């Protein structure tokens, strides 16, 4: 069995064997020469073999000493890597993060944040899960997830909501829609439209935020509820049966028959990073710092300024 004290004596031997001198090795190791000589004697006694031939004029490794030089150096290098890796866990540079996010965040927000996390902290292993908002909130609360990305999450005791993005909303519609040629759509122009929306129980906060946009514009909501939890084709919209209010991040990956136009006046939806308030691990701390920096870099909390750029 190898102990830390053995490693210390091994490093002392390697220094002497490399330098072929106790004096130079002691200077390199910043220890007194008698202490260094004592460490080498202890190592030889423990191994039961002479490692160095010493005279007043030279120091030369024995055959056993040459073997220890060859394999001992590799052992010390591996020990150094092990210590660095273990310290990485303590500082959050290594470890595993389990992050859940909902479908609406998978277009841009989640990939950009996860990309920044991989770039800044390559030692972290990130396990991602596409989940419903309800399951994300439950997972963060019970510890199944370390964090979650959610639109308009509900307040939950002992859970921290960190605002990550204020995402401008717009109207998603068929390319042949009467409003598709407009550079922007006023919310009041949706009075005659059927709006596609998730059922309220799927995410009450998001449902209330979307219907609130319509209410403030004096538009009585005419709603059709989504039948699928995730429908990348936006089937009812593609068939001309409805329009939908969605974030600007979805505009980059739309089917060719759909268009997205920003709402006026500007309306935003909150995207939060959820974490447990009583379980801030070093890895979660690094996630929160990365999220803050990413939001600042991309202007996510100041969407009007980001658009102007």
C-alpha atoms as a PDB file:
ATOM      1  CA  UNK A   1       0.000   0.000   0.000  1.00  0.00           C
ATOM      2  CA  UNK A   2       1.297   3.430  -0.954  1.00  0.00           C
ATOM      3  CA  UNK A   3       1.010   6.277   1.537  1.00  0.00           C
ATOM      4  CA  UNK A   4       1.485  10.007   1.106  1.00  0.00           C
ATOM      5  CA  UNK A   5       4.724   9.743   3.103  1.00  0.00           C
ATOM      6  CA  UNK A   6       5.949   7.149   0.604  1.00  0.00           C
ATOM      7  CA  UNK A   7       5.261   9.536  -2.240  1.00  0.00           C
ATOM      8  CA  UNK A   8       7.208  12.253  -0.462  1.00  0.00           C
ATOM      9  CA  UNK A   9      10.226   9.945  -0.039  1.00  0.00           C
ATOM     10  CA  UNK A  10       9.870   8.791  -3.641  1.00  0.00           C
ATOM     11  CA  UNK A  11       9.972  12.382  -4.872  1.00  0.00           C
ATOM     12  CA  UNK A  12      13.073  12.961  -2.760  1.00  0.00           C
ATOM     13  CA  UNK A  13      14.770   9.929  -4.280  1.00  0.00           C
ATOM     14  CA  UNK A  14      13.879  11.035  -7.816  1.00  0.00           C
ATOM     15  CA  UNK A  15      15.369  14.464  -7.198  1.00  0.00           C
ATOM     16  CA  UNK A  16      18.652  12.977  -5.932  1.00  0.00           C
ATOM     17  CA  UNK A  17      18.781  10.443  -8.777  1.00  0.00           C
ATOM     18  CA  UNK A  18      18.222  13.129 -11.399  1.00  0.00           C
ATOM     19  CA  UNK A  19      20.713  15.578  -9.940  1.00  0.00           C
ATOM     20  CA  UNK A  20      23.254  12.894  -8.965  1.00  0.00           C
ATOM     21  CA  UNK A  21      23.787  15.081  -5.898  1.00  0.00           C
ATOM     22  CA  UNK A  22      22.242  15.320  -2.433  1.00  0.00           C
ATOM     23  CA  UNK A  23      23.283  18.967  -2.206  1.00  0.00           C
ATOM     24  CA  UNK A  24      21.590  20.065  -5.429  1.00  0.00           C
ATOM     25  CA  UNK A  25      18.519  17.936  -4.731  1.00  0.00           C
ATOM     26  CA  UNK A  26      18.139  19.449  -1.249  1.00  0.00           C
ATOM     27  CA  UNK A  27      18.308  22.945  -2.739  1.00  0.00           C
ATOM     28  CA  UNK A  28      15.716  22.014  -5.346  1.00  0.00           C
ATOM     29  CA  UNK A  29      13.374  20.535  -2.742  1.00  0.00           C
ATOM     30  CA  UNK A  30      13.991  23.348  -0.245  1.00  0.00           C
ATOM     31  CA  UNK A  31      14.870  20.961   2.592  1.00  0.00           C
ATOM     32  CA  UNK A  32      18.010  20.410   4.649  1.00  0.00           C
ATOM     33  CA  UNK A  33      20.460  17.860   3.316  1.00  0.00           C
ATOM     34  CA  UNK A  34      20.437  15.697   6.501  1.00  0.00           C
ATOM     35  CA  UNK A  35      16.629  15.460   6.263  1.00  0.00           C
ATOM     36  CA  UNK A  36      16.900  14.432   2.623  1.00  0.00           C
ATOM     37  CA  UNK A  37      19.502  11.765   3.422  1.00  0.00           C
ATOM     38  CA  UNK A  38      17.227  10.442   6.164  1.00  0.00           C
ATOM     39  CA  UNK A  39      14.281  10.141   3.755  1.00  0.00           C
ATOM     40  CA  UNK A  40      16.371   8.150   1.277  1.00  0.00           C
ATOM     41  CA  UNK A  41      17.589   5.790   4.037  1.00  0.00           C
ATOM     42  CA  UNK A  42      14.007   5.263   5.209  1.00  0.00           C
ATOM     43  CA  UNK A  43      12.891   4.468   1.658  1.00  0.00           C
ATOM     44  CA  UNK A  44      15.740   1.956   1.200  1.00  0.00           C
ATOM     45  CA  UNK A  45      14.938   0.339   4.556  1.00  0.00           C
ATOM     46  CA  UNK A  46      11.252   0.051   3.682  1.00  0.00           C
ATOM     47  CA  UNK A  47      11.986  -1.498   0.287  1.00  0.00           C
ATOM     48  CA  UNK A  48      14.864  -3.625   1.579  1.00  0.00           C
ATOM     49  CA  UNK A  49      17.147  -2.671  -1.288  1.00  0.00           C
ATOM     50  CA  UNK A  50      19.928  -0.166  -1.901  1.00  0.00           C
ATOM     51  CA  UNK A  51      18.825   2.496  -4.374  1.00  0.00           C
ATOM     52  CA  UNK A  52      21.895   4.718  -4.563  1.00  0.00           C
ATOM     53  CA  UNK A  53      25.625   4.080  -4.588  1.00  0.00           C
ATOM     54  CA  UNK A  54      27.186   6.987  -2.708  1.00  0.00           C
ATOM     55  CA  UNK A  55      30.778   8.093  -2.303  1.00  0.00           C
ATOM     56  CA  UNK A  56      32.222  11.434  -1.360  1.00  0.00           C
ATOM     57  CA  UNK A  57      32.585  12.171  -5.060  1.00  0.00           C
ATOM     58  CA  UNK A  58      29.472  10.847  -6.754  1.00  0.00           C
ATOM     59  CA  UNK A  59      25.933   9.536  -6.343  1.00  0.00           C
ATOM     60  CA  UNK A  60      24.767   6.901  -8.817  1.00  0.00           C
ATOM     61  CA  UNK A  61      21.475   4.939  -8.918  1.00  0.00           C
ATOM     62  CA  UNK A  62      21.831   1.194  -8.519  1.00  0.00           C
ATOM     63  CA  UNK A  63      20.049  -1.214 -10.855  1.00  0.00           C
ATOM     64  CA  UNK A  64      17.059  -1.111  -8.510  1.00  0.00           C
ATOM     65  CA  UNK A  65      17.378   2.661  -8.402  1.00  0.00           C
ATOM     66  CA  UNK A  66      17.186   2.902 -12.191  1.00  0.00           C
ATOM     67  CA  UNK A  67      13.984   0.839 -12.153  1.00  0.00           C
ATOM     68  CA  UNK A  68      12.492   3.089  -9.487  1.00  0.00           C
ATOM     69  CA  UNK A  69      13.485   6.167 -11.491  1.00  0.00           C
ATOM     70  CA  UNK A  70      11.730   4.844 -14.576  1.00  0.00           C
ATOM     71  CA  UNK A  71       8.502   3.702 -12.965  1.00  0.00           C
ATOM     72  CA  UNK A  72       8.467   6.031  -9.966  1.00  0.00           C
ATOM     73  CA  UNK A  73       8.352   9.150 -12.149  1.00  0.00           C
ATOM     74  CA  UNK A  74       5.212   7.847 -13.882  1.00  0.00           C
ATOM     75  CA  UNK A  75       3.686   7.039 -10.492  1.00  0.00           C
ATOM     76  CA  UNK A  76       4.280  10.588  -9.243  1.00  0.00           C
ATOM     77  CA  UNK A  77       2.802  12.076 -12.410  1.00  0.00           C
ATOM     78  CA  UNK A  78      -0.324   9.939 -12.018  1.00  0.00           C
ATOM     79  CA  UNK A  79      -0.599  10.952  -8.355  1.00  0.00           C
ATOM     80  CA  UNK A  80      -0.348  14.611  -9.364  1.00  0.00           C
ATOM     81  CA  UNK A  81      -3.153  14.150 -11.902  1.00  0.00           C
ATOM     82  CA  UNK A  82      -5.269  12.399  -9.299  1.00  0.00           C
ATOM     83  CA  UNK A  83      -4.815  15.212  -6.754  1.00  0.00           C
ATOM     84  CA  UNK A  84      -5.676  17.823  -9.412  1.00  0.00           C
ATOM     85  CA  UNK A  85      -8.811  15.925 -10.399  1.00  0.00           C
ATOM     86  CA  UNK A  86      -9.922  15.532  -6.789  1.00  0.00           C
ATOM     87  CA  UNK A  87      -9.357  19.223  -6.064  1.00  0.00           C
ATOM     88  CA  UNK A  88     -11.406  19.951  -9.193  1.00  0.00           C
ATOM     89  CA  UNK A  89     -14.461  18.425  -7.535  1.00  0.00           C
ATOM     90  CA  UNK A  90     -14.036  20.678  -4.525  1.00  0.00           C
ATOM     91  CA  UNK A  91     -13.875  23.775  -6.740  1.00  0.00           C
ATOM     92  CA  UNK A  92     -16.670  22.743  -9.093  1.00  0.00           C
ATOM     93  CA  UNK A  93     -14.280  22.325 -12.037  1.00  0.00           C
ATOM     94  CA  UNK A  94     -15.209  18.648 -12.226  1.00  0.00           C
ATOM     95  CA  UNK A  95     -18.400  16.788 -11.463  1.00  0.00           C
ATOM     96  CA  UNK A  96     -21.813  16.120 -12.993  1.00  0.00           C
ATOM     97  CA  UNK A  97     -24.725  18.485 -13.538  1.00  0.00           C
ATOM     98  CA  UNK A  98     -28.199  17.240 -14.409  1.00  0.00           C
ATOM     99  CA  UNK A  99     -30.225  19.958 -16.125  1.00  0.00           C
ATOM    100  CA  UNK A 100     -33.797  19.780 -17.361  1.00  0.00           C
ATOM    101  CA  UNK A 101     -35.342  22.174 -19.849  1.00  0.00           C
ATOM    102  CA  UNK A 102     -38.661  22.499 -21.607  1.00  0.00           C
ATOM    103  CA  UNK A 103     -39.239  22.249 -25.359  1.00  0.00           C
ATOM    104  CA  UNK A 104     -39.722  25.975 -25.854  1.00  0.00           C
ATOM    105  CA  UNK A 105     -36.235  26.626 -24.485  1.00  0.00           C
ATOM    106  CA  UNK A 106     -34.540  24.051 -26.722  1.00  0.00           C
ATOM    107  CA  UNK A 107     -34.411  26.354 -29.764  1.00  0.00           C
ATOM    108  CA  UNK A 108     -31.687  28.703 -28.547  1.00  0.00           C
ATOM    109  CA  UNK A 109     -31.542  29.467 -24.838  1.00  0.00           C
ATOM    110  CA  UNK A 110     -30.574  25.991 -23.625  1.00  0.00           C
ATOM    111  CA  UNK A 111     -28.059  25.229 -26.436  1.00  0.00           C
ATOM    112  CA  UNK A 112     -26.303  28.586 -25.997  1.00  0.00           C
ATOM    113  CA  UNK A 113     -26.031  28.200 -22.212  1.00  0.00           C
ATOM    114  CA  UNK A 114     -24.886  24.578 -22.459  1.00  0.00           C
ATOM    115  CA  UNK A 115     -22.312  25.539 -25.089  1.00  0.00           C
ATOM    116  CA  UNK A 116     -20.924  28.267 -22.837  1.00  0.00           C
ATOM    117  CA  UNK A 117     -20.781  25.831 -19.927  1.00  0.00           C
ATOM    118  CA  UNK A 118     -18.871  23.256 -22.001  1.00  0.00           C
ATOM    119  CA  UNK A 119     -16.408  25.901 -23.188  1.00  0.00           C
ATOM    120  CA  UNK A 120     -15.740  27.392 -19.779  1.00  0.00           C
ATOM    121  CA  UNK A 121     -15.794  24.174 -17.744  1.00  0.00           C
ATOM    122  CA  UNK A 122     -14.761  21.222 -19.924  1.00  0.00           C
ATOM    123  CA  UNK A 123     -14.250  19.066 -16.836  1.00  0.00           C
ATOM    124  CA  UNK A 124     -17.975  19.086 -16.061  1.00  0.00           C
ATOM    125  CA  UNK A 125     -20.222  16.316 -17.327  1.00  0.00           C
ATOM    126  CA  UNK A 126     -23.673  17.711 -18.147  1.00  0.00           C
ATOM    127  CA  UNK A 127     -26.663  15.372 -18.355  1.00  0.00           C
ATOM    128  CA  UNK A 128     -29.545  17.151 -20.133  1.00  0.00           C
ATOM    129  CA  UNK A 129     -33.199  16.128 -20.146  1.00  0.00           C
ATOM    130  CA  UNK A 130     -36.068  17.477 -22.240  1.00  0.00           C
ATOM    131  CA  UNK A 131     -39.010  17.548 -19.836  1.00  0.00           C
ATOM    132  CA  UNK A 132     -42.327  19.197 -19.124  1.00  0.00           C
ATOM    133  CA  UNK A 133     -42.336  22.281 -16.924  1.00  0.00           C
ATOM    134  CA  UNK A 134     -44.142  20.404 -14.150  1.00  0.00           C
ATOM    135  CA  UNK A 135     -41.567  17.612 -14.158  1.00  0.00           C
ATOM    136  CA  UNK A 136     -38.691  20.099 -14.143  1.00  0.00           C
ATOM    137  CA  UNK A 137     -40.041  21.943 -11.117  1.00  0.00           C
ATOM    138  CA  UNK A 138     -40.627  18.642  -9.320  1.00  0.00           C
ATOM    139  CA  UNK A 139     -37.174  17.339 -10.277  1.00  0.00           C
ATOM    140  CA  UNK A 140     -35.357  20.410  -8.971  1.00  0.00           C
ATOM    141  CA  UNK A 141     -37.392  20.360  -5.773  1.00  0.00           C
ATOM    142  CA  UNK A 142     -36.701  16.682  -4.995  1.00  0.00           C
ATOM    143  CA  UNK A 143     -33.053  16.751  -6.106  1.00  0.00           C
ATOM    144  CA  UNK A 144     -33.452  14.595  -9.212  1.00  0.00           C
ATOM    145  CA  UNK A 145     -32.269  17.629 -11.191  1.00  0.00           C
ATOM    146  CA  UNK A 146     -29.543  20.058 -10.191  1.00  0.00           C
ATOM    147  CA  UNK A 147     -31.163  22.844 -12.205  1.00  0.00           C
ATOM    148  CA  UNK A 148     -33.918  23.526 -14.689  1.00  0.00           C
ATOM    149  CA  UNK A 149     -34.659  26.049 -17.428  1.00  0.00           C
ATOM    150  CA  UNK A 150     -38.296  27.064 -17.412  1.00  0.00           C
ATOM    151  CA  UNK A 151     -40.519  29.800 -18.822  1.00  0.00           C
ATOM    152  CA  UNK A 152     -42.526  31.665 -16.162  1.00  0.00           C
ATOM    153  CA  UNK A 153     -41.998  29.122 -13.345  1.00  0.00           C
ATOM    154  CA  UNK A 154     -44.233  29.214 -10.277  1.00  0.00           C
ATOM    155  CA  UNK A 155     -42.807  30.331  -6.923  1.00  0.00           C
ATOM    156  CA  UNK A 156     -41.825  27.239  -4.943  1.00  0.00           C
ATOM    157  CA  UNK A 157     -40.535  27.252  -1.332  1.00  0.00           C
ATOM    158  CA  UNK A 158     -36.777  26.673  -0.998  1.00  0.00           C
ATOM    159  CA  UNK A 159     -36.268  27.091  -4.743  1.00  0.00           C
ATOM    160  CA  UNK A 160     -34.269  29.929  -6.281  1.00  0.00           C
ATOM    161  CA  UNK A 161     -35.430  31.475  -9.550  1.00  0.00           C
ATOM    162  CA  UNK A 162     -32.618  33.228 -11.408  1.00  0.00           C
ATOM    163  CA  UNK A 163     -33.895  35.362 -14.284  1.00  0.00           C
ATOM    164  CA  UNK A 164     -31.894  34.327 -17.352  1.00  0.00           C
ATOM    165  CA  UNK A 165     -33.736  35.886 -20.254  1.00  0.00           C
ATOM    166  CA  UNK A 166     -36.534  38.258 -21.179  1.00  0.00           C
ATOM    167  CA  UNK A 167     -37.434  36.811 -24.555  1.00  0.00           C
ATOM    168  CA  UNK A 168     -39.348  39.037 -26.996  1.00  0.00           C
ATOM    169  CA  UNK A 169     -42.497  37.391 -28.269  1.00  0.00           C
ATOM    170  CA  UNK A 170     -43.908  37.394 -31.753  1.00  0.00           C
ATOM    171  CA  UNK A 171     -46.651  35.947 -33.901  1.00  0.00           C
ATOM    172  CA  UNK A 172     -46.035  32.628 -35.595  1.00  0.00           C
ATOM    173  CA  UNK A 173     -48.259  32.175 -38.655  1.00  0.00           C
ATOM    174  CA  UNK A 174     -48.539  30.566 -42.047  1.00  0.00           C
ATOM    175  CA  UNK A 175     -46.522  32.328 -44.739  1.00  0.00           C
ATOM    176  CA  UNK A 176     -49.757  33.083 -46.596  1.00  0.00           C
ATOM    177  CA  UNK A 177     -51.444  34.700 -43.586  1.00  0.00           C
ATOM    178  CA  UNK A 178     -52.862  38.222 -44.021  1.00  0.00           C
ATOM    179  CA  UNK A 179     -50.358  39.573 -41.468  1.00  0.00           C
ATOM    180  CA  UNK A 180     -47.306  37.707 -42.765  1.00  0.00           C
ATOM    181  CA  UNK A 181     -46.176  40.612 -44.922  1.00  0.00           C
ATOM    182  CA  UNK A 182     -46.024  43.031 -41.999  1.00  0.00           C
ATOM    183  CA  UNK A 183     -42.607  43.738 -40.432  1.00  0.00           C
ATOM    184  CA  UNK A 184     -44.283  43.533 -37.015  1.00  0.00           C
ATOM    185  CA  UNK A 185     -47.748  42.730 -35.708  1.00  0.00           C
ATOM    186  CA  UNK A 186     -49.668  44.815 -33.209  1.00  0.00           C
ATOM    187  CA  UNK A 187     -51.292  42.625 -30.591  1.00  0.00           C
ATOM    188  CA  UNK A 188     -54.648  44.295 -31.320  1.00  0.00           C
ATOM    189  CA  UNK A 189     -54.575  42.845 -34.836  1.00  0.00           C
ATOM    190  CA  UNK A 190     -55.092  39.387 -33.360  1.00  0.00           C
ATOM    191  CA  UNK A 191     -58.675  40.086 -32.362  1.00  0.00           C
ATOM    192  CA  UNK A 192     -60.014  37.938 -35.194  1.00  0.00           C
ATOM    193  CA  UNK A 193     -57.459  35.170 -34.763  1.00  0.00           C
ATOM    194  CA  UNK A 194     -57.503  31.822 -33.022  1.00  0.00           C
ATOM    195  CA  UNK A 195     -54.398  31.483 -30.872  1.00  0.00           C
ATOM    196  CA  UNK A 196     -52.705  28.126 -30.313  1.00  0.00           C
ATOM    197  CA  UNK A 197     -51.585  27.655 -26.719  1.00  0.00           C
ATOM    198  CA  UNK A 198     -50.641  24.923 -24.258  1.00  0.00           C
ATOM    199  CA  UNK A 199     -53.274  24.045 -21.673  1.00  0.00           C
ATOM    200  CA  UNK A 200     -52.945  26.111 -18.519  1.00  0.00           C
ATOM    201  CA  UNK A 201     -52.114  23.122 -16.335  1.00  0.00           C
ATOM    202  CA  UNK A 202     -48.988  22.468 -18.421  1.00  0.00           C
ATOM    203  CA  UNK A 203     -47.481  25.799 -17.308  1.00  0.00           C
ATOM    204  CA  UNK A 204     -49.862  28.216 -15.584  1.00  0.00           C
ATOM    205  CA  UNK A 205     -47.339  31.056 -15.566  1.00  0.00           C
ATOM    206  CA  UNK A 206     -46.709  30.905 -19.305  1.00  0.00           C
ATOM    207  CA  UNK A 207     -50.411  30.537 -20.100  1.00  0.00           C
ATOM    208  CA  UNK A 208     -51.240  33.584 -17.970  1.00  0.00           C
ATOM    209  CA  UNK A 209     -48.403  35.595 -19.519  1.00  0.00           C
ATOM    210  CA  UNK A 210     -49.611  34.932 -23.087  1.00  0.00           C
ATOM    211  CA  UNK A 211     -53.274  35.566 -22.329  1.00  0.00           C
ATOM    212  CA  UNK A 212     -52.181  38.686 -20.428  1.00  0.00           C
ATOM    213  CA  UNK A 213     -50.542  40.052 -23.600  1.00  0.00           C
ATOM    214  CA  UNK A 214     -53.853  39.636 -25.417  1.00  0.00           C
ATOM    215  CA  UNK A 215     -55.872  41.074 -22.533  1.00  0.00           C
ATOM    216  CA  UNK A 216     -53.744  44.225 -22.389  1.00  0.00           C
ATOM    217  CA  UNK A 217     -54.338  44.728 -26.101  1.00  0.00           C
ATOM    218  CA  UNK A 218     -58.086  44.412 -25.588  1.00  0.00           C
ATOM    219  CA  UNK A 219     -58.201  41.133 -27.487  1.00  0.00           C
ATOM    220  CA  UNK A 220     -60.652  38.554 -26.134  1.00  0.00           C
ATOM    221  CA  UNK A 221     -58.649  35.320 -26.430  1.00  0.00           C
ATOM    222  CA  UNK A 222     -59.961  32.752 -28.865  1.00  0.00           C
ATOM    223  CA  UNK A 223     -57.847  29.760 -27.975  1.00  0.00           C
ATOM    224  CA  UNK A 224     -57.165  26.336 -29.365  1.00  0.00           C
ATOM    225  CA  UNK A 225     -55.155  24.123 -27.028  1.00  0.00           C
ATOM    226  CA  UNK A 226     -52.142  22.138 -28.210  1.00  0.00           C
ATOM    227  CA  UNK A 227     -52.766  18.412 -28.412  1.00  0.00           C
ATOM    228  CA  UNK A 228     -49.060  17.527 -28.387  1.00  0.00           C
ATOM    229  CA  UNK A 229     -46.566  18.544 -25.692  1.00  0.00           C
ATOM    230  CA  UNK A 230     -43.996  19.201 -28.425  1.00  0.00           C
ATOM    231  CA  UNK A 231     -44.882  19.816 -32.060  1.00  0.00           C
ATOM    232  CA  UNK A 232     -41.888  21.172 -34.005  1.00  0.00           C
ATOM    233  CA  UNK A 233     -44.046  21.423 -37.139  1.00  0.00           C
ATOM    234  CA  UNK A 234     -46.598  23.658 -35.348  1.00  0.00           C
ATOM    235  CA  UNK A 235     -49.244  21.646 -37.173  1.00  0.00           C
ATOM    236  CA  UNK A 236     -52.394  23.769 -36.519  1.00  0.00           C
ATOM    237  CA  UNK A 237     -50.479  26.918 -37.484  1.00  0.00           C
ATOM    238  CA  UNK A 238     -49.032  25.270 -40.602  1.00  0.00           C
ATOM    239  CA  UNK A 239     -52.570  24.259 -41.630  1.00  0.00           C
ATOM    240  CA  UNK A 240     -53.797  27.833 -41.227  1.00  0.00           C
ATOM    241  CA  UNK A 241     -56.115  26.983 -38.354  1.00  0.00           C
ATOM    242  CA  UNK A 242     -54.432  29.271 -35.791  1.00  0.00           C
ATOM    243  CA  UNK A 243     -51.558  31.577 -35.002  1.00  0.00           C
ATOM    244  CA  UNK A 244     -49.258  31.236 -32.024  1.00  0.00           C
ATOM    245  CA  UNK A 245     -47.348  33.607 -29.767  1.00  0.00           C
ATOM    246  CA  UNK A 246     -43.804  32.285 -29.407  1.00  0.00           C
ATOM    247  CA  UNK A 247     -40.359  33.606 -28.553  1.00  0.00           C
ATOM    248  CA  UNK A 248     -37.916  35.014 -31.086  1.00  0.00           C
ATOM    249  CA  UNK A 249     -35.550  32.068 -30.566  1.00  0.00           C
ATOM    250  CA  UNK A 250     -37.945  29.785 -32.442  1.00  0.00           C
ATOM    251  CA  UNK A 251     -37.751  31.921 -35.607  1.00  0.00           C
ATOM    252  CA  UNK A 252     -34.373  30.495 -36.690  1.00  0.00           C
ATOM    253  CA  UNK A 253     -35.603  26.918 -37.137  1.00  0.00           C
ATOM    254  CA  UNK A 254     -39.079  27.241 -38.620  1.00  0.00           C
ATOM    255  CA  UNK A 255     -40.478  25.114 -41.452  1.00  0.00           C
ATOM    256  CA  UNK A 256     -40.472  27.033 -44.732  1.00  0.00           C
ATOM    257  CA  UNK A 257     -44.235  27.563 -44.754  1.00  0.00           C
ATOM    258  CA  UNK A 258     -44.185  29.454 -41.439  1.00  0.00           C
ATOM    259  CA  UNK A 259     -43.072  32.983 -40.582  1.00  0.00           C
ATOM    260  CA  UNK A 260     -42.492  34.817 -37.303  1.00  0.00           C
ATOM    261  CA  UNK A 261     -43.103  38.541 -36.810  1.00  0.00           C
ATOM    262  CA  UNK A 262     -42.324  40.482 -33.607  1.00  0.00           C
ATOM    263  CA  UNK A 263     -45.159  41.839 -31.516  1.00  0.00           C
ATOM    264  CA  UNK A 264     -45.724  45.533 -30.953  1.00  0.00           C
ATOM    265  CA  UNK A 265     -45.693  46.893 -28.397  1.00  0.00           C
ATOM    266  CA  UNK A 266     -42.772  44.691 -27.324  1.00  0.00           C
ATOM    267  CA  UNK A 267     -43.817  41.861 -25.044  1.00  0.00           C
ATOM    268  CA  UNK A 268     -41.393  39.514 -23.310  1.00  0.00           C
ATOM    269  CA  UNK A 269     -41.618  36.193 -21.509  1.00  0.00           C
ATOM    270  CA  UNK A 270     -39.365  35.384 -18.554  1.00  0.00           C
ATOM    271  CA  UNK A 271     -37.029  32.399 -18.693  1.00  0.00           C
ATOM    272  CA  UNK A 272     -35.597  31.357 -15.340  1.00  0.00           C
ATOM    273  CA  UNK A 273     -32.869  29.019 -14.159  1.00  0.00           C
ATOM    274  CA  UNK A 274     -34.245  27.052 -11.219  1.00  0.00           C
ATOM    275  CA  UNK A 275     -31.995  25.737  -8.444  1.00  0.00           C
ATOM    276  CA  UNK A 276     -32.511  24.563  -4.877  1.00  0.00           C
ATOM    277  CA  UNK A 277     -31.762  27.252  -2.347  1.00  0.00           C
ATOM    278  CA  UNK A 278     -30.351  24.845   0.249  1.00  0.00           C
ATOM    279  CA  UNK A 279     -28.172  22.814  -2.131  1.00  0.00           C
ATOM    280  CA  UNK A 280     -25.739  25.165  -3.840  1.00  0.00           C
ATOM    281  CA  UNK A 281     -22.872  22.859  -4.778  1.00  0.00           C
ATOM    282  CA  UNK A 282     -19.633  24.086  -6.387  1.00  0.00           C
ATOM    283  CA  UNK A 283     -20.855  22.817  -9.769  1.00  0.00           C
ATOM    284  CA  UNK A 284     -24.171  24.646  -9.441  1.00  0.00           C
ATOM    285  CA  UNK A 285     -22.292  27.803  -8.446  1.00  0.00           C
ATOM    286  CA  UNK A 286     -20.290  27.578 -11.670  1.00  0.00           C
ATOM    287  CA  UNK A 287     -23.499  27.027 -13.633  1.00  0.00           C
ATOM    288  CA  UNK A 288     -25.051  30.148 -12.113  1.00  0.00           C
ATOM    289  CA  UNK A 289     -21.967  32.241 -12.899  1.00  0.00           C
ATOM    290  CA  UNK A 290     -21.907  30.957 -16.468  1.00  0.00           C
ATOM    291  CA  UNK A 291     -25.617  31.681 -16.845  1.00  0.00           C
ATOM    292  CA  UNK A 292     -25.148  35.244 -15.605  1.00  0.00           C
ATOM    293  CA  UNK A 293     -22.226  35.850 -17.960  1.00  0.00           C
ATOM    294  CA  UNK A 294     -24.088  34.297 -20.908  1.00  0.00           C
ATOM    295  CA  UNK A 295     -27.153  36.437 -20.307  1.00  0.00           C
ATOM    296  CA  UNK A 296     -24.989  39.546 -20.201  1.00  0.00           C
ATOM    297  CA  UNK A 297     -22.997  38.602 -23.302  1.00  0.00           C
ATOM    298  CA  UNK A 298     -26.113  37.976 -25.395  1.00  0.00           C
ATOM    299  CA  UNK A 299     -28.136  40.879 -24.019  1.00  0.00           C
ATOM    300  CA  UNK A 300     -30.849  38.518 -22.833  1.00  0.00           C
ATOM    301  CA  UNK A 301     -31.981  40.775 -19.993  1.00  0.00           C
ATOM    302  CA  UNK A 302     -32.067  43.870 -22.194  1.00  0.00           C
ATOM    303  CA  UNK A 303     -33.792  42.631 -25.367  1.00  0.00           C
ATOM    304  CA  UNK A 304     -34.451  46.094 -26.791  1.00  0.00           C
ATOM    305  CA  UNK A 305     -30.737  46.951 -26.640  1.00  0.00           C
ATOM    306  CA  UNK A 306     -29.777  43.595 -28.121  1.00  0.00           C
ATOM    307  CA  UNK A 307     -32.204  44.124 -31.027  1.00  0.00           C
ATOM    308  CA  UNK A 308     -30.819  47.600 -31.636  1.00  0.00           C
ATOM    309  CA  UNK A 309     -27.320  46.189 -31.983  1.00  0.00           C
END
